[in-house]
C-alpha atoms as a PDB file:
ATOM      1  CA  MET A   1      -1.875  15.129  10.116  1.00  0.00           C
ATOM      2  CA  LYS A   2       0.444  12.134  10.256  1.00  0.00           C
ATOM      3  CA  LEU A   3      -0.232   9.107  12.462  1.00  0.00           C
ATOM      4  CA  ALA A   4       1.741   5.979  13.329  1.00  0.00           C
ATOM      5  CA  THR A   5       1.445   2.951  15.591  1.00  0.00           C
ATOM      6  CA  LEU A   6       4.382   2.060  17.811  1.00  0.00           C
ATOM      7  CA  LYS A   7       5.036  -1.488  18.931  1.00  0.00           C
ATOM      8  CA  ASN A   8       4.199  -2.306  22.546  1.00  0.00           C
ATOM      9  CA  ASP A   9       3.060  -5.383  24.444  1.00  0.00           C
ATOM     10  CA  THR A  10      -0.431  -5.346  22.919  1.00  0.00           C
ATOM     11  CA  ARG A  11      -1.748  -6.592  19.584  1.00  0.00           C
ATOM     12  CA  ASP A  12      -2.761  -3.162  18.340  1.00  0.00           C
ATOM     13  CA  GLY A  13       0.176  -1.010  19.453  1.00  0.00           C
ATOM     14  CA  GLU A  14       0.190   2.615  20.592  1.00  0.00           C
ATOM     15  CA  LEU A  15      -1.196   5.449  18.489  1.00  0.00           C
ATOM     16  CA  VAL A  16       1.100   8.464  18.099  1.00  0.00           C
ATOM     17  CA  VAL A  17       1.033  11.709  16.139  1.00  0.00           C
ATOM     18  CA  VAL A  18       4.137  12.263  13.992  1.00  0.00           C
ATOM     19  CA  SER A  19       5.587  15.570  12.811  1.00  0.00           C
ATOM     20  CA  LYS A  20       5.453  16.521   9.136  1.00  0.00           C
ATOM     21  CA  ASP A  21       9.186  15.898   8.732  1.00  0.00           C
ATOM     22  CA  LEU A  22       8.937  12.490  10.477  1.00  0.00           C
ATOM     23  CA  SER A  23      11.492  13.555  13.092  1.00  0.00           C
ATOM     24  CA  LYS A  24       9.318  13.739  16.217  1.00  0.00           C
ATOM     25  CA  TYR A  25       6.288  12.066  17.716  1.00  0.00           C
ATOM     26  CA  VAL A  26       4.024  12.439  20.711  1.00  0.00           C
ATOM     27  CA  SER A  27       1.782   9.859  22.361  1.00  0.00           C
ATOM     28  CA  VAL A  28      -1.949  10.548  22.264  1.00  0.00           C
ATOM     29  CA  GLY A  29      -3.302   7.887  24.598  1.00  0.00           C
ATOM     30  CA  ALA A  30      -5.471  10.490  26.308  1.00  0.00           C
ATOM     31  CA  VAL A  31      -7.301  10.964  22.984  1.00  0.00           C
ATOM     32  CA  ALA A  32      -7.227   7.433  21.534  1.00  0.00           C
ATOM     33  CA  ALA A  33      -5.134   4.459  22.542  1.00  0.00           C
ATOM     34  CA  THR A  34      -5.058   2.927  19.053  1.00  0.00           C
ATOM     35  CA  LEU A  35      -5.652   3.988  15.480  1.00  0.00           C
ATOM     36  CA  GLN A  36      -8.733   1.783  15.299  1.00  0.00           C
ATOM     37  CA  ALA A  37     -10.161   3.542  18.371  1.00  0.00           C
ATOM     38  CA  ALA A  38      -9.579   6.889  16.652  1.00  0.00           C
ATOM     39  CA  LEU A  39     -11.293   5.685  13.480  1.00  0.00           C
ATOM     40  CA  ASP A  40     -14.263   4.332  15.426  1.00  0.00           C
ATOM     41  CA  ASP A  41     -15.029   7.886  16.594  1.00  0.00           C
ATOM     42  CA  TRP A  42     -13.281   9.865  13.868  1.00  0.00           C
ATOM     43  CA  ASP A  43     -15.576  12.878  13.648  1.00  0.00           C
ATOM     44  CA  ASP A  44     -15.090  13.615  17.350  1.00  0.00           C
ATOM     45  CA  LEU A  45     -11.453  12.563  17.777  1.00  0.00           C
ATOM     46  CA  ALA A  46      -9.819  13.734  14.530  1.00  0.00           C
ATOM     47  CA  PRO A  47     -10.028  17.442  15.503  1.00  0.00           C
ATOM     48  CA  LYS A  48      -8.398  16.644  18.843  1.00  0.00           C
ATOM     49  CA  LEU A  49      -5.609  14.730  17.111  1.00  0.00           C
ATOM     50  CA  GLN A  50      -5.217  17.614  14.661  1.00  0.00           C
ATOM     51  CA  ASN A  51      -4.737  20.019  17.559  1.00  0.00           C
ATOM     52  CA  VAL A  52      -1.920  17.817  18.869  1.00  0.00           C
ATOM     53  CA  SER A  53      -0.412  17.672  15.374  1.00  0.00           C
ATOM     54  CA  ASP A  54      -0.486  21.457  15.027  1.00  0.00           C
ATOM     55  CA  ALA A  55       1.188  21.931  18.414  1.00  0.00           C
ATOM     56  CA  LEU A  56       3.826  19.304  17.596  1.00  0.00           C
ATOM     57  CA  ASN A  57       4.720  20.921  14.279  1.00  0.00           C
ATOM     58  CA  GLU A  58       4.921  24.328  15.918  1.00  0.00           C
ATOM     59  CA  GLY A  59       7.421  23.015  18.477  1.00  0.00           C
ATOM     60  CA  GLN A  60       5.101  23.585  21.411  1.00  0.00           C
ATOM     61  CA  LEU A  61       5.208  20.100  22.958  1.00  0.00           C
ATOM     62  CA  ASP A  62       8.042  19.392  25.385  1.00  0.00           C
ATOM     63  CA  ALA A  63       6.919  15.751  25.527  1.00  0.00           C
ATOM     64  CA  ALA A  64       7.888  15.159  21.876  1.00  0.00           C
ATOM     65  CA  LYS A  65      10.356  12.322  21.291  1.00  0.00           C
ATOM     66  CA  GLU A  66      12.571  11.218  18.407  1.00  0.00           C
ATOM     67  CA  PHE A  67      10.582   9.189  15.875  1.00  0.00           C
ATOM     68  CA  ASP A  68      12.092   5.818  14.930  1.00  0.00           C
ATOM     69  CA  GLN A  69      10.485   4.099  11.940  1.00  0.00           C
ATOM     70  CA  THR A  70      11.919   0.734  12.975  1.00  0.00           C
ATOM     71  CA  ALA A  71       9.749   0.875  16.112  1.00  0.00           C
ATOM     72  CA  CYS A  72       6.537   0.980  14.082  1.00  0.00           C
ATOM     73  CA  GLU A  73       3.862  -1.545  13.414  1.00  0.00           C
ATOM     74  CA  SER A  74       1.826  -1.106  10.272  1.00  0.00           C
ATOM     75  CA  PRO A  75      -0.526   1.799  11.104  1.00  0.00           C
ATOM     76  CA  LEU A  76      -3.277  -0.767  11.639  1.00  0.00           C
ATOM     77  CA  PRO A  77      -1.485  -3.927  12.882  1.00  0.00           C
ATOM     78  CA  ARG A  78      -4.704  -5.768  12.098  1.00  0.00           C
ATOM     79  CA  ALA A  79      -7.881  -4.543  10.449  1.00  0.00           C
ATOM     80  CA  TYR A  80     -11.508  -5.491  10.025  1.00  0.00           C
ATOM     81  CA  GLN A  81     -11.128  -5.323   6.240  1.00  0.00           C
ATOM     82  CA  TRP A  82      -8.312  -5.427   3.663  1.00  0.00           C
ATOM     83  CA  ALA A  83      -9.584  -5.319   0.094  1.00  0.00           C
ATOM     84  CA  ASP A  84      -7.049  -4.876  -2.669  1.00  0.00           C
ATOM     85  CA  GLY A  85      -8.063  -3.635  -6.075  1.00  0.00           C
ATOM     86  CA  SER A  86      -6.236  -3.592  -9.395  1.00  0.00           C
ATOM     87  CA  ALA A  87      -6.702   0.003 -10.430  1.00  0.00           C
ATOM     88  CA  TYR A  88      -3.736  -0.128 -12.826  1.00  0.00           C
ATOM     89  CA  VAL A  89      -5.117  -2.371 -15.538  1.00  0.00           C
ATOM     90  CA  ASN A  90      -1.776  -2.269 -17.359  1.00  0.00           C
ATOM     91  CA  HIS A  91      -0.343  -4.373 -14.505  1.00  0.00           C
ATOM     92  CA  VAL A  92      -3.198  -6.869 -14.698  1.00  0.00           C
ATOM     93  CA  GLU A  93      -2.757  -7.204 -18.440  1.00  0.00           C
ATOM     94  CA  LEU A  94       0.970  -7.903 -18.137  1.00  0.00           C
ATOM     95  CA  VAL A  95       0.755 -10.483 -15.345  1.00  0.00           C
ATOM     96  CA  ARG A  96      -2.091 -12.280 -17.102  1.00  0.00           C
ATOM     97  CA  LYS A  97       0.050 -12.478 -20.235  1.00  0.00           C
ATOM     98  CA  ALA A  98       2.717 -14.121 -18.094  1.00  0.00           C
ATOM     99  CA  ARG A  99       0.153 -16.834 -17.281  1.00  0.00           C
ATOM    100  CA  ASN A 100      -0.977 -17.044 -20.945  1.00  0.00           C
ATOM    101  CA  ALA A 101      -4.375 -15.689 -19.902  1.00  0.00           C
ATOM    102  CA  GLU A 102      -6.363 -13.189 -21.934  1.00  0.00           C
ATOM    103  CA  LEU A 103      -7.582  -9.953 -20.343  1.00  0.00           C
ATOM    104  CA  PRO A 104     -11.389  -9.726 -20.433  1.00  0.00           C
ATOM    105  CA  GLU A 105     -12.625  -6.441 -21.896  1.00  0.00           C
ATOM    106  CA  SER A 106     -14.737  -5.882 -18.759  1.00  0.00           C
ATOM    107  CA  PHE A 107     -11.560  -5.336 -16.708  1.00  0.00           C
ATOM    108  CA  TRP A 108     -11.332  -1.827 -18.213  1.00  0.00           C
ATOM    109  CA  THR A 109     -14.798  -0.879 -16.916  1.00  0.00           C
ATOM    110  CA  ASP A 110     -15.362  -3.022 -13.803  1.00  0.00           C
ATOM    111  CA  PRO A 111     -12.650  -2.985 -11.087  1.00  0.00           C
ATOM    112  CA  LEU A 112     -10.923  -6.200 -10.082  1.00  0.00           C
ATOM    113  CA  MET A 113     -10.623  -6.815  -6.325  1.00  0.00           C
ATOM    114  CA  TYR A 114      -9.721  -9.539  -3.862  1.00  0.00           C
ATOM    115  CA  GLN A 115     -10.253  -9.775  -0.120  1.00  0.00           C
ATOM    116  CA  GLY A 116      -6.918 -10.201   1.641  1.00  0.00           C
ATOM    117  CA  GLY A 117      -6.004 -11.495   5.058  1.00  0.00           C
ATOM    118  CA  SER A 118      -6.220  -8.641   7.532  1.00  0.00           C
ATOM    119  CA  ASP A 119      -5.654 -10.355  10.887  1.00  0.00           C
ATOM    120  CA  SER A 120      -1.854 -10.091  10.938  1.00  0.00           C
ATOM    121  CA  PHE A 121      -0.032  -7.396   8.982  1.00  0.00           C
ATOM    122  CA  ILE A 122       3.774  -7.166   9.087  1.00  0.00           C
ATOM    123  CA  GLY A 123       5.615  -4.136  10.457  1.00  0.00           C
ATOM    124  CA  PRO A 124       7.124  -1.886   7.760  1.00  0.00           C
ATOM    125  CA  ARG A 125      10.704  -2.658   8.849  1.00  0.00           C
ATOM    126  CA  ASP A 126      10.105  -6.300   9.838  1.00  0.00           C
ATOM    127  CA  ASP A 127      11.421  -9.300   7.906  1.00  0.00           C
ATOM    128  CA  ILE A 128       9.077 -11.207   5.604  1.00  0.00           C
ATOM    129  CA  PRO A 129       9.218 -14.848   6.787  1.00  0.00           C
ATOM    130  CA  LEU A 130       8.289 -17.396   4.118  1.00  0.00           C
ATOM    131  CA  GLY A 131       8.623 -21.136   3.801  1.00  0.00           C
ATOM    132  CA  SER A 132      10.176 -21.630   0.368  1.00  0.00           C
ATOM    133  CA  GLU A 133      11.891 -19.680  -2.402  1.00  0.00           C
ATOM    134  CA  SER A 134      10.089 -21.968  -4.854  1.00  0.00           C
ATOM    135  CA  TRP A 135       6.843 -20.150  -4.099  1.00  0.00           C
ATOM    136  CA  GLY A 136       7.894 -17.282  -6.398  1.00  0.00           C
ATOM    137  CA  ILE A 137       8.256 -14.508  -3.816  1.00  0.00           C
ATOM    138  CA  ASP A 138       7.393 -11.043  -5.133  1.00  0.00           C
ATOM    139  CA  PHE A 139       6.809  -7.579  -3.692  1.00  0.00           C
ATOM    140  CA  GLU A 140       4.066  -5.243  -4.919  1.00  0.00           C
ATOM    141  CA  GLY A 141       4.332  -1.509  -4.289  1.00  0.00           C
ATOM    142  CA  GLU A 142       0.921   0.092  -3.873  1.00  0.00           C
ATOM    143  CA  VAL A 143      -1.020   2.983  -2.350  1.00  0.00           C
ATOM    144  CA  ALA A 144      -3.924   2.332   0.034  1.00  0.00           C
ATOM    145  CA  VAL A 145      -6.623   4.303   1.812  1.00  0.00           C
ATOM    146  CA  ILE A 146      -8.328   3.781   5.152  1.00  0.00           C
ATOM    147  CA  THR A 147     -12.042   4.576   5.294  1.00  0.00           C
ATOM    148  CA  ASP A 148     -14.606   5.684   7.800  1.00  0.00           C
ATOM    149  CA  ASP A 149     -17.940   3.829   8.009  1.00  0.00           C
ATOM    150  CA  LEU A 150     -19.523   3.620   4.562  1.00  0.00           C
ATOM    151  CA  VAL A 151     -23.010   2.453   3.688  1.00  0.00           C
ATOM    152  CA  MET A 152     -23.702  -0.380   1.284  1.00  0.00           C
ATOM    153  CA  GLY A 153     -24.279   0.889  -2.235  1.00  0.00           C
ATOM    154  CA  ALA A 154     -22.374   4.109  -1.558  1.00  0.00           C
ATOM    155  CA  THR A 155     -21.891   6.600  -4.372  1.00  0.00           C
ATOM    156  CA  GLU A 156     -18.422   7.663  -5.507  1.00  0.00           C
ATOM    157  CA  LYS A 157     -18.998  10.994  -3.715  1.00  0.00           C
ATOM    158  CA  GLN A 158     -19.815   9.184  -0.470  1.00  0.00           C
ATOM    159  CA  ALA A 159     -16.794   6.946  -0.966  1.00  0.00           C
ATOM    160  CA  ALA A 160     -14.537   9.981  -1.486  1.00  0.00           C
ATOM    161  CA  ASP A 161     -15.835  11.577   1.713  1.00  0.00           C
ATOM    162  CA  ALA A 162     -15.173   8.336   3.629  1.00  0.00           C
ATOM    163  CA  ILE A 163     -11.451   8.300   2.765  1.00  0.00           C
ATOM    164  CA  LYS A 164      -9.727   9.478   5.944  1.00  0.00           C
ATOM    165  CA  LEU A 165      -6.124   8.272   5.688  1.00  0.00           C
ATOM    166  CA  ILE A 166      -3.614   7.292   2.989  1.00  0.00           C
ATOM    167  CA  MET A 167      -0.549   5.012   3.218  1.00  0.00           C
ATOM    168  CA  LEU A 168       1.717   2.744   1.161  1.00  0.00           C
ATOM    169  CA  VAL A 169       1.649  -1.043   0.886  1.00  0.00           C
ATOM    170  CA  ASN A 170       3.932  -3.951   0.139  1.00  0.00           C
ATOM    171  CA  ASP A 171       1.383  -6.537  -0.951  1.00  0.00           C
ATOM    172  CA  VAL A 172       3.564  -9.660  -0.843  1.00  0.00           C
ATOM    173  CA  SER A 173       2.629 -12.183  -3.541  1.00  0.00           C
ATOM    174  CA  LEU A 174       3.679 -15.768  -4.135  1.00  0.00           C
ATOM    175  CA  ARG A 175       3.628 -15.970  -7.925  1.00  0.00           C
ATOM    176  CA  GLY A 176       4.363 -19.682  -8.029  1.00  0.00           C
ATOM    177  CA  LEU A 177       1.203 -20.465  -6.089  1.00  0.00           C
ATOM    178  CA  ILE A 178      -1.184 -18.107  -7.876  1.00  0.00           C
ATOM    179  CA  PRO A 179      -1.908 -20.125 -11.056  1.00  0.00           C
ATOM    180  CA  GLY A 180      -2.854 -23.265  -9.134  1.00  0.00           C
ATOM    181  CA  GLU A 181      -5.130 -21.341  -6.794  1.00  0.00           C
ATOM    182  CA  LEU A 182      -6.878 -19.418  -9.557  1.00  0.00           C
ATOM    183  CA  ALA A 183      -7.343 -22.628 -11.545  1.00  0.00           C
ATOM    184  CA  LYS A 184      -9.602 -23.860  -8.743  1.00  0.00           C
ATOM    185  CA  GLY A 185     -11.946 -20.983  -9.551  1.00  0.00           C
ATOM    186  CA  PHE A 186     -12.077 -19.560  -6.026  1.00  0.00           C
ATOM    187  CA  GLY A 187      -9.302 -16.935  -5.874  1.00  0.00           C
ATOM    188  CA  PHE A 188      -6.237 -16.007  -3.819  1.00  0.00           C
ATOM    189  CA  PHE A 189      -5.524 -17.389  -0.375  1.00  0.00           C
ATOM    190  CA  GLN A 190      -2.171 -19.139   0.186  1.00  0.00           C
ATOM    191  CA  SER A 191      -0.611 -17.035  -2.576  1.00  0.00           C
ATOM    192  CA  LYS A 192      -1.266 -13.818  -0.611  1.00  0.00           C
ATOM    193  CA  PRO A 193       0.571 -13.896   2.751  1.00  0.00           C
ATOM    194  CA  SER A 194       0.665 -11.001   5.230  1.00  0.00           C
ATOM    195  CA  SER A 195       1.109  -7.516   3.767  1.00  0.00           C
ATOM    196  CA  ALA A 196       3.067  -4.594   5.232  1.00  0.00           C
ATOM    197  CA  PHE A 197       2.101  -0.923   5.292  1.00  0.00           C
ATOM    198  CA  SER A 198       4.178   2.248   5.558  1.00  0.00           C
ATOM    199  CA  PRO A 199       5.285   3.445   9.021  1.00  0.00           C
ATOM    200  CA  VAL A 200       3.027   6.490   8.744  1.00  0.00           C
ATOM    201  CA  CYS A 201      -0.457   7.116   7.385  1.00  0.00           C
ATOM    202  CA  VAL A 202      -1.561  10.650   6.543  1.00  0.00           C
ATOM    203  CA  THR A 203      -4.737  12.624   6.083  1.00  0.00           C
ATOM    204  CA  PRO A 204      -5.348  13.610   2.433  1.00  0.00           C
ATOM    205  CA  ASP A 205      -4.627  17.300   3.119  1.00  0.00           C
ATOM    206  CA  GLU A 206      -0.995  16.394   3.931  1.00  0.00           C
ATOM    207  CA  LEU A 207      -0.494  15.687   0.223  1.00  0.00           C
ATOM    208  CA  GLY A 208      -1.570  19.149  -0.866  1.00  0.00           C
ATOM    209  CA  ASP A 209      -2.243  19.350  -4.599  1.00  0.00           C
ATOM    210  CA  ALA A 210      -0.713  15.885  -5.082  1.00  0.00           C
ATOM    211  CA  TRP A 211      -4.054  14.506  -3.880  1.00  0.00           C
ATOM    212  CA  LYS A 212      -6.235  15.267  -6.879  1.00  0.00           C
ATOM    213  CA  ASP A 213      -9.105  13.481  -8.623  1.00  0.00           C
ATOM    214  CA  GLY A 214      -9.001  10.712  -6.037  1.00  0.00           C
ATOM    215  CA  LYS A 215      -5.393   9.828  -6.888  1.00  0.00           C
ATOM    216  CA  VAL A 216      -1.956  10.385  -5.370  1.00  0.00           C
ATOM    217  CA  ASN A 217      -0.046  12.202  -8.091  1.00  0.00           C
ATOM    218  CA  LEU A 218       3.536  11.393  -7.094  1.00  0.00           C
ATOM    219  CA  PRO A 219       6.106   8.724  -8.019  1.00  0.00           C
ATOM    220  CA  LEU A 220       6.215   5.508  -6.004  1.00  0.00           C
ATOM    221  CA  LEU A 221       9.894   4.756  -5.385  1.00  0.00           C
ATOM    222  CA  VAL A 222      10.975   1.112  -5.255  1.00  0.00           C
ATOM    223  CA  ASP A 223      14.544  -0.021  -4.563  1.00  0.00           C
ATOM    224  CA  TYR A 224      15.464  -3.694  -4.807  1.00  0.00           C
ATOM    225  CA  ASN A 225      18.688  -4.910  -3.178  1.00  0.00           C
ATOM    226  CA  GLY A 226      19.972  -1.347  -3.066  1.00  0.00           C
ATOM    227  CA  GLU A 227      19.305  -0.575  -6.733  1.00  0.00           C
ATOM    228  CA  VAL A 228      16.576   1.661  -8.189  1.00  0.00           C
ATOM    229  CA  PHE A 229      13.864  -0.666  -9.499  1.00  0.00           C
ATOM    230  CA  GLY A 230      10.843   1.567 -10.039  1.00  0.00           C
ATOM    231  CA  CYS A 231       9.616   5.166  -9.974  1.00  0.00           C
ATOM    232  CA  ALA A 232       6.180   4.782 -11.526  1.00  0.00           C
ATOM    233  CA  GLU A 233       3.832   7.758 -11.318  1.00  0.00           C
ATOM    234  CA  ALA A 234       0.960   6.735  -9.050  1.00  0.00           C
ATOM    235  CA  GLY A 235      -1.421   9.261 -10.595  1.00  0.00           C
ATOM    236  CA  GLU A 236      -0.918   8.074 -14.178  1.00  0.00           C
ATOM    237  CA  ASP A 237      -2.486   5.046 -15.864  1.00  0.00           C
ATOM    238  CA  MET A 238      -4.779   4.564 -12.837  1.00  0.00           C
ATOM    239  CA  THR A 239      -7.870   3.300 -14.609  1.00  0.00           C
ATOM    240  CA  PHE A 240     -10.019   3.517 -11.470  1.00  0.00           C
ATOM    241  CA  ASN A 241      -9.435   6.183  -8.825  1.00  0.00           C
ATOM    242  CA  PHE A 242      -9.851   5.589  -5.092  1.00  0.00           C
ATOM    243  CA  PRO A 243     -13.480   6.761  -4.814  1.00  0.00           C
ATOM    244  CA  GLN A 244     -14.353   4.342  -7.613  1.00  0.00           C
ATOM    245  CA  ILE A 245     -12.636   1.333  -6.070  1.00  0.00           C
ATOM    246  CA  VAL A 246     -13.905   2.135  -2.565  1.00  0.00           C
ATOM    247  CA  ALA A 247     -17.446   2.405  -3.943  1.00  0.00           C
ATOM    248  CA  HIS A 248     -16.866  -0.908  -5.737  1.00  0.00           C
ATOM    249  CA  ALA A 249     -15.902  -2.527  -2.414  1.00  0.00           C
ATOM    250  CA  ALA A 250     -19.091  -1.178  -0.814  1.00  0.00           C
ATOM    251  CA  LYS A 251     -21.473  -2.191  -3.601  1.00  0.00           C
ATOM    252  CA  THR A 252     -22.974  -5.174  -1.773  1.00  0.00           C
ATOM    253  CA  ARG A 253     -21.794  -4.637   1.809  1.00  0.00           C
ATOM    254  CA  PRO A 254     -21.135  -1.736   4.172  1.00  0.00           C
ATOM    255  CA  LEU A 255     -17.542  -0.921   5.066  1.00  0.00           C
ATOM    256  CA  SER A 256     -16.670  -0.419   8.709  1.00  0.00           C
ATOM    257  CA  ALA A 257     -14.387   2.294  10.037  1.00  0.00           C
ATOM    258  CA  GLY A 258     -10.821   1.111   9.570  1.00  0.00           C
ATOM    259  CA  ALA A 259     -11.426  -0.701   6.282  1.00  0.00           C
ATOM    260  CA  ILE A 260      -8.314  -0.659   4.074  1.00  0.00           C
ATOM    261  CA  VAL A 261      -8.655  -0.524   0.282  1.00  0.00           C
ATOM    262  CA  GLY A 262      -5.563  -0.875  -1.901  1.00  0.00           C
ATOM    263  CA  SER A 263      -4.850   0.433  -5.388  1.00  0.00           C
ATOM    264  CA  GLY A 264      -3.113  -2.650  -6.687  1.00  0.00           C
ATOM    265  CA  THR A 265       0.419  -2.533  -8.072  1.00  0.00           C
ATOM    266  CA  VAL A 266       1.332   0.908  -9.422  1.00  0.00           C
ATOM    267  CA  SER A 267       2.116   0.479 -13.103  1.00  0.00           C
ATOM    268  CA  ASN A 268       2.779   2.802 -16.039  1.00  0.00           C
ATOM    269  CA  LYS A 269       2.599   2.338 -19.771  1.00  0.00           C
ATOM    270  CA  LEU A 270       4.960   3.844 -22.341  1.00  0.00           C
ATOM    271  CA  ASN A 271       3.441   5.046 -25.622  1.00  0.00           C
ATOM    272  CA  ASP A 272       0.519   2.618 -25.128  1.00  0.00           C
ATOM    273  CA  GLY A 273       2.977  -0.232 -24.657  1.00  0.00           C
ATOM    274  CA  PRO A 274       4.736  -1.804 -21.678  1.00  0.00           C
ATOM    275  CA  GLY A 275       7.051   0.411 -19.660  1.00  0.00           C
ATOM    276  CA  LYS A 276      10.844   0.191 -19.751  1.00  0.00           C
ATOM    277  CA  PRO A 277      13.295  -0.649 -16.960  1.00  0.00           C
ATOM    278  CA  VAL A 278      14.884   2.257 -15.112  1.00  0.00           C
ATOM    279  CA  ALA A 279      18.286   1.204 -16.484  1.00  0.00           C
ATOM    280  CA  ASP A 280      16.901   1.774 -19.994  1.00  0.00           C
ATOM    281  CA  GLY A 281      15.541   5.227 -19.187  1.00  0.00           C
ATOM    282  CA  GLY A 282      12.047   4.129 -18.173  1.00  0.00           C
ATOM    283  CA  ARG A 283      10.115   4.354 -14.929  1.00  0.00           C
ATOM    284  CA  GLY A 284      10.665   0.715 -14.098  1.00  0.00           C
ATOM    285  CA  TYR A 285       8.243  -1.419 -12.155  1.00  0.00           C
ATOM    286  CA  SER A 286       6.622  -1.874  -8.756  1.00  0.00           C
ATOM    287  CA  CYS A 287       6.903  -5.672  -8.763  1.00  0.00           C
ATOM    288  CA  ILE A 288       9.158  -8.360 -10.219  1.00  0.00           C
ATOM    289  CA  ALA A 289       6.381 -10.011 -12.228  1.00  0.00           C
ATOM    290  CA  GLU A 290       6.206  -7.041 -14.593  1.00  0.00           C
ATOM    291  CA  ILE A 291       9.894  -6.935 -15.450  1.00  0.00           C
ATOM    292  CA  ARG A 292       9.801 -10.701 -16.044  1.00  0.00           C
ATOM    293  CA  MET A 293       6.948 -10.170 -18.498  1.00  0.00           C
ATOM    294  CA  ILE A 294       8.884  -7.414 -20.293  1.00  0.00           C
ATOM    295  CA  GLU A 295      11.919  -9.688 -20.523  1.00  0.00           C
ATOM    296  CA  THR A 296       9.736 -12.427 -21.961  1.00  0.00           C
ATOM    297  CA  ILE A 297       8.277 -10.039 -24.554  1.00  0.00           C
ATOM    298  CA  TYR A 298      11.628  -8.701 -25.728  1.00  0.00           C
ATOM    299  CA  GLU A 299      14.042 -11.557 -24.993  1.00  0.00           C
ATOM    300  CA  GLY A 300      11.855 -14.643 -25.241  1.00  0.00           C
ATOM    301  CA  GLU A 301      12.262 -15.592 -21.577  1.00  0.00           C
ATOM    302  CA  ALA A 302      12.438 -14.045 -18.122  1.00  0.00           C
ATOM    303  CA  SER A 303      15.919 -13.520 -16.690  1.00  0.00           C
ATOM    304  CA  THR A 304      15.088 -11.730 -13.400  1.00  0.00           C
ATOM    305  CA  SER A 305      14.398 -14.246 -10.654  1.00  0.00           C
ATOM    306  CA  PHE A 306      11.826 -13.819  -7.928  1.00  0.00           C
ATOM    307  CA  MET A 307      13.046 -12.934  -4.436  1.00  0.00           C
ATOM    308  CA  LYS A 308      15.494 -15.154  -2.594  1.00  0.00           C
ATOM    309  CA  PHE A 309      16.093 -15.312   1.133  1.00  0.00           C
ATOM    310  CA  GLY A 310      18.173 -12.266   2.043  1.00  0.00           C
ATOM    311  CA  ASP A 311      16.775 -10.067  -0.750  1.00  0.00           C
ATOM    312  CA  GLN A 312      15.536  -6.643   0.335  1.00  0.00           C
ATOM    313  CA  VAL A 313      12.889  -4.243  -0.971  1.00  0.00           C
ATOM    314  CA  ARG A 314      12.323  -0.593  -0.049  1.00  0.00           C
ATOM    315  CA  ILE A 315       9.118   1.275  -0.947  1.00  0.00           C
ATOM    316  CA  GLU A 316       8.746   5.012  -0.353  1.00  0.00           C
ATOM    317  CA  MET A 317       7.092   8.156  -1.681  1.00  0.00           C
ATOM    318  CA  LYS A 318       8.548  11.662  -1.485  1.00  0.00           C
ATOM    319  CA  ASP A 319       6.940  15.053  -1.952  1.00  0.00           C
ATOM    320  CA  ARG A 320       8.093  17.435  -4.661  1.00  0.00           C
ATOM    321  CA  ASP A 321      10.739  18.831  -2.314  1.00  0.00           C
ATOM    322  CA  GLY A 322      12.248  15.391  -1.796  1.00  0.00           C
ATOM    323  CA  HIS A 323      10.886  14.764   1.713  1.00  0.00           C
ATOM    324  CA  SER A 324       9.555  11.341   2.649  1.00  0.00           C
ATOM    325  CA  ILE A 325       5.801  11.484   3.215  1.00  0.00           C
ATOM    326  CA  PHE A 326       4.949   8.106   4.731  1.00  0.00           C
ATOM    327  CA  GLY A 327       8.375   6.871   5.807  1.00  0.00           C
ATOM    328  CA  ALA A 328       9.755   3.780   4.101  1.00  0.00           C
ATOM    329  CA  ILE A 329       8.747   0.156   3.961  1.00  0.00           C
ATOM    330  CA  ASP A 330      12.125  -1.598   4.086  1.00  0.00           C
ATOM    331  CA  GLN A 331      11.997  -5.387   4.341  1.00  0.00           C
ATOM    332  CA  LYS A 332      14.118  -8.474   3.878  1.00  0.00           C
ATOM    333  CA  VAL A 333      12.819 -11.910   2.938  1.00  0.00           C
ATOM    334  CA  VAL A 334      13.923 -14.618   5.367  1.00  0.00           C
ATOM    335  CA  GLU A 335      13.297 -18.326   5.691  1.00  0.00           C
ATOM    336  CA  TYR A 336      10.504 -19.176   8.112  1.00  0.00           C
ATOM    337  CA  LYS A 337      11.447 -21.832  10.621  1.00  0.00           C
END
């Protein structure tokens, strides 16, 4: 089942069911007005939504309309919880090197996580408004899950059962502000503005055998200003799978239905070393910070700049037949006035 939220005159948009090929949608207000409402009563409402999905995909609904990804909010335009992990420790190691910071050995056994701002996500095709290019504007391509209610101290099995929906993320980061914030010893805040999520979120069964061992085993495709920037395999080099990072988030607090937990930037190694750019035959990167670190390692300094106003990033994932699964995040950075 594939779900999306269309923009309307409310904060939380209109929940719709989308066809597998992302061509059609149908409103489901009679079942649940919003995605959060559906998640609040998931056990009862999910089968009803699935029935609509089945009928839509079988061409049985005359009310179906053309699906337009530009009309979408993020699936949850706002959420009770947005916790982003760093499941790909290779990424953490590289960006810490860029700050001349050592990677503690514990990072390989204990997940890293921060609590992001969840009160105002950006639509997947909306501009990213920011105040200054000097802030070091970066995109971060990630995968995220949405959970049902989960008890405090949940096991990995309980966490796996609580994962109801999967989507993609552009976790916007302001690299120029991060070192100063972390130096205060309290963590990210100003350096993590509003994130954007894919137009569509899907139930795990939509991924077929690509959803295995708590990971999405497909490439995450990132284009930057119209050029291929990354095609990292999301199922590889993921030190902690989703049940592990969801359980980590619930260790000392319960998670409420609609909690979003991110994977962190998808990142691959190459022969136990840093990956190579796509232009050099590698899988590239899911953020600018990584390629800057690679340039520093091999050339002595970074030559790729962070995003400027007018720069555009596209993040997407396709199935093995080349069909888009979640639709595409496609955003331009603009000056906020």
